[in-house]
Amino acid sequence: MSARRTRRLGQAGEDLAVEVLRRRGYRILERNYRCPLGEIDCVALHGRTLVFLEVKTRAGQAYGAPHEAVDRRKRRKLTRLAQYFAKERRLEGAPMRFDVVAVRWDGPSPTVEVFENAFEAVEDGW
């Protein structure tokens, strides 16, 4: 798959994920939040909890389940990004969690699975 097609698939997956999240009561605060440490796909409020979301989209099963791509290295990076976001917005004391949204586009219509509280903050990054 070309890089351009991969980017389009990822963007379509993020758009679909946000639509599903909104229907589930998430209030989207930021999409593609960027800072010197990198990027968070989506930041939202779910109730009173600040949620940092990683969206993974796959067109097939060749690379495994989408959520499996959020390995320890990625979790550590997301933890640091969340810390930066919270400090920047003066939200350090707010309850926080990390969710992963897995989007599969390998059939006639996409499937979206939300893994709430998918992982704990990585200790050496929080």
Protein backbone atom coordinates (compact mmCIF):
# COMPACT_ATOMS: atom_id res chain seq x y z
CA MET A 1 0.00 0.00 0.00
CA SER A 2 1.39 3.40 -0.95
CA ALA A 3 2.17 6.00 1.72
CA ARG A 4 -0.57 8.26 0.35
CA ARG A 5 -3.16 5.49 0.53
CA THR A 6 -2.02 4.57 4.04
CA ARG A 7 -2.45 8.20 5.17
CA ARG A 8 -5.92 8.37 3.61
CA LEU A 9 -6.91 5.12 5.31
CA GLY A 10 -5.60 6.43 8.64
CA GLN A 11 -7.48 9.71 8.27
CA ALA A 12 -10.70 7.91 7.34
CA GLY A 13 -10.23 5.65 10.38
CA GLU A 14 -9.75 8.64 12.68
CA ASP A 15 -12.83 10.35 11.26
CA LEU A 16 -14.92 7.23 11.82
CA ALA A 17 -13.48 6.74 15.32
CA VAL A 18 -14.41 10.31 16.31
CA GLU A 19 -17.94 9.77 15.02
CA VAL A 20 -18.30 6.60 17.12
CA LEU A 21 -16.77 8.26 20.18
CA ARG A 22 -19.18 11.18 19.98
CA ARG A 23 -22.13 8.76 19.84
CA ARG A 24 -20.74 7.12 22.99
CA GLY A 25 -20.70 10.40 24.89
CA TYR A 26 -17.10 11.51 24.42
CA ARG A 27 -16.61 15.25 24.02
CA ILE A 28 -13.73 15.78 21.61
CA LEU A 29 -11.32 18.48 22.82
CA GLU A 30 -8.49 18.10 20.31
CA ARG A 31 -7.71 16.11 17.20
CA ASN A 32 -4.13 15.56 16.14
CA TYR A 33 -2.76 17.49 19.11
CA ARG A 34 0.87 18.32 18.37
CA CYS A 35 3.63 19.39 20.72
CA PRO A 36 7.43 19.12 20.71
CA LEU A 37 7.16 15.49 21.88
CA GLY A 38 4.92 14.28 19.08
CA GLU A 39 1.22 13.89 18.35
CA ILE A 40 -1.86 12.48 20.07
CA ASP A 41 -4.61 11.33 17.71
CA CYS A 42 -7.44 12.58 19.90
CA VAL A 43 -8.02 14.07 23.35
CA ALA A 44 -11.53 13.95 24.79
CA LEU A 45 -13.61 14.17 27.92
CA HIS A 46 -15.68 11.15 28.85
CA GLY A 47 -17.72 12.21 31.82
CA ARG A 48 -15.15 13.99 33.98
CA THR A 49 -12.25 11.87 32.77
CA LEU A 50 -9.65 13.26 30.39
CA VAL A 51 -9.08 10.58 27.75
CA PHE A 52 -6.06 10.28 25.47
CA LEU A 53 -6.94 8.22 22.43
CA GLU A 54 -4.78 6.35 19.97
CA VAL A 55 -6.57 5.33 16.78
CA LYS A 56 -5.20 2.40 14.79
CA THR A 57 -6.68 1.52 11.41
CA ARG A 58 -5.99 -1.58 9.32
CA ALA A 59 -7.22 -2.55 5.86
CA GLY A 60 -6.56 -6.24 6.43
CA GLN A 61 -5.17 -8.73 8.88
CA ALA A 62 -1.63 -8.98 7.53
CA TYR A 63 -0.22 -6.86 10.35
CA GLY A 64 -2.41 -8.21 13.14
CA ALA A 65 -5.19 -6.57 15.10
CA PRO A 66 -4.99 -2.76 15.05
CA HIS A 67 -4.84 -2.35 18.84
CA GLU A 68 -1.84 -4.71 19.04
CA ALA A 69 0.28 -1.98 17.41
CA VAL A 70 0.20 0.02 20.66
CA ASP A 71 3.30 -1.56 22.14
CA ARG A 72 5.28 -0.53 25.23
CA ARG A 73 7.30 2.05 23.28
CA LYS A 74 4.09 3.67 21.97
CA ARG A 75 2.48 3.56 25.43
CA ARG A 76 5.53 5.30 26.91
CA LYS A 77 5.35 8.00 24.24
CA LEU A 78 1.60 8.49 24.75
CA THR A 79 2.17 8.78 28.50
CA ARG A 80 4.71 11.55 27.98
CA LEU A 81 2.43 13.33 25.51
CA ALA A 82 -0.47 13.13 27.97
CA GLN A 83 1.73 14.54 30.72
CA TYR A 84 2.76 17.42 28.47
CA PHE A 85 -0.87 18.13 27.47
CA ALA A 86 -2.07 18.07 31.08
CA LYS A 87 0.71 20.38 32.23
CA GLU A 88 0.19 22.77 29.33
CA ARG A 89 -3.55 22.98 30.07
CA ARG A 90 -3.12 22.97 33.86
CA LEU A 91 -5.07 19.71 34.19
CA GLU A 92 -2.51 17.63 36.12
CA GLY A 93 -5.01 16.71 38.85
CA ALA A 94 -7.77 15.60 36.48
CA PRO A 95 -8.63 11.89 36.27
CA MET A 96 -7.07 10.52 33.09
CA ARG A 97 -7.03 7.32 31.07
CA PHE A 98 -5.78 5.92 27.80
CA ASP A 99 -8.16 4.40 25.27
CA VAL A 100 -7.33 2.71 21.99
CA VAL A 101 -9.72 2.69 19.05
CA ALA A 102 -9.24 -0.14 16.56
CA VAL A 103 -10.73 0.37 13.11
CA ARG A 104 -10.79 -2.51 10.62
CA TRP A 105 -11.62 -1.88 7.00
CA ASP A 106 -11.31 -5.44 5.75
CA GLY A 107 -14.90 -6.16 4.78
CA PRO A 108 -17.80 -4.45 3.09
CA SER A 109 -18.09 -2.00 5.97
CA PRO A 110 -15.64 -0.95 8.67
CA THR A 111 -15.77 -2.15 12.26
CA VAL A 112 -14.79 0.02 15.20
CA GLU A 113 -13.82 -1.30 18.63
CA VAL A 114 -13.11 1.02 21.56
CA PHE A 115 -10.80 -0.32 24.26
CA GLU A 116 -11.49 1.87 27.28
CA ASN A 117 -8.66 2.12 29.77
CA ALA A 118 -6.53 0.09 27.34
CA PHE A 119 -3.35 0.58 29.37
CA GLU A 120 -1.98 2.29 32.42
CA ALA A 121 0.45 5.19 32.20
CA VAL A 122 3.96 3.86 31.70
CA GLU A 123 5.76 4.51 34.99
CA ASP A 124 9.00 5.84 33.57
CA GLY A 125 7.08 8.37 31.47
CA TRP A 126 4.43 9.64 33.90
